[in-house]
Amino acid sequence: MSSSTPSVRWGDAVVGALVGTAVGILLVTAAGTFSIAVSGLFAVLAVTAPALVGAVVGTAVTSDTTRSNPR
């Protein structure tokens, strides 16, 4: 069974997006900690950009590296 099935790819994309979102939330929190004025646009970009990148990376990295054992 190949890992390139749509359900596996969607799962990888969701996991990557969740990790990216967590990174974005950390960026916004760190900016607030250092007393940097965080506008709404910055907050949206800081959360959505890592989420999109995480989804792409999650799909690209795991799609070819997971192999099933044909025993």
Protein backbone atom coordinates (compact mmCIF):
# COMPACT_ATOMS: atom_id res chain seq x y z
CA MET A 1 0.00 0.00 0.00
CA SER A 2 1.42 3.34 -1.01
CA SER A 3 1.42 6.36 1.27
CA SER A 4 0.35 8.63 -1.55
CA THR A 5 -3.34 7.91 -1.02
CA PRO A 6 -5.42 11.05 -0.57
CA SER A 7 -6.40 10.25 3.04
CA VAL A 8 -2.76 9.87 4.11
CA ARG A 9 -1.77 13.06 2.29
CA TRP A 10 -4.62 14.98 3.93
CA GLY A 11 -3.56 13.63 7.31
CA ASP A 12 0.02 14.74 6.72
CA ALA A 13 -1.18 18.17 5.61
CA VAL A 14 -3.36 18.55 8.71
CA VAL A 15 -0.52 17.56 11.04
CA GLY A 16 1.83 19.97 9.28
CA ALA A 17 -0.75 22.75 9.48
CA LEU A 18 -1.26 22.14 13.20
CA VAL A 19 2.48 22.31 13.84
CA GLY A 20 2.73 25.46 11.72
CA THR A 21 -0.16 27.05 13.60
CA ALA A 22 1.54 26.28 16.90
CA VAL A 23 4.70 27.97 15.64
CA GLY A 24 2.67 30.99 14.54
CA ILE A 25 1.02 31.26 17.94
CA LEU A 26 4.45 31.12 19.56
CA LEU A 27 5.61 33.95 17.27
CA VAL A 28 2.67 36.15 18.26
CA THR A 29 3.19 35.33 21.94
CA ALA A 30 6.90 36.11 21.73
CA ALA A 31 6.18 39.41 20.01
CA GLY A 32 3.74 40.31 22.77
CA THR A 33 6.26 39.29 25.43
CA PHE A 34 8.86 41.65 24.02
CA SER A 35 6.30 44.49 24.02
CA ILE A 36 6.14 44.70 20.25
CA ALA A 37 2.82 46.13 19.15
CA VAL A 38 1.05 43.27 17.42
CA SER A 39 -1.55 44.40 14.91
CA GLY A 40 -4.35 42.17 13.74
CA LEU A 41 -2.79 41.78 10.31
CA PHE A 42 0.53 40.68 11.80
CA ALA A 43 -1.22 38.17 14.03
CA VAL A 44 -3.16 36.70 11.11
CA LEU A 45 -0.05 36.47 8.92
CA ALA A 46 2.06 35.07 11.75
CA VAL A 47 -0.41 32.23 12.26
CA THR A 48 -1.55 31.47 8.70
CA ALA A 49 1.82 31.61 6.92
CA PRO A 50 3.47 28.94 9.13
CA ALA A 51 0.28 26.86 8.93
CA LEU A 52 0.36 26.87 5.12
CA VAL A 53 4.08 26.15 5.01
CA GLY A 54 3.62 23.38 7.59
CA ALA A 55 0.90 21.78 5.49
CA VAL A 56 3.08 21.82 2.38
CA VAL A 57 6.15 20.53 4.21
CA GLY A 58 4.13 17.89 6.04
CA THR A 59 2.80 16.57 2.76
CA ALA A 60 6.10 16.77 0.88
CA VAL A 61 8.30 15.23 3.56
CA THR A 62 6.11 12.33 4.61
CA SER A 63 4.64 11.37 1.24
CA ASP A 64 7.76 9.60 -0.04
CA THR A 65 9.44 8.55 3.18
CA THR A 66 6.75 6.28 4.63
CA ARG A 67 6.91 2.80 3.18
CA SER A 68 4.87 -0.23 4.07
CA ASN A 69 6.51 -3.57 4.68
CA PRO A 70 5.28 -5.96 1.95
CA ARG A 71 5.61 -9.10 4.07
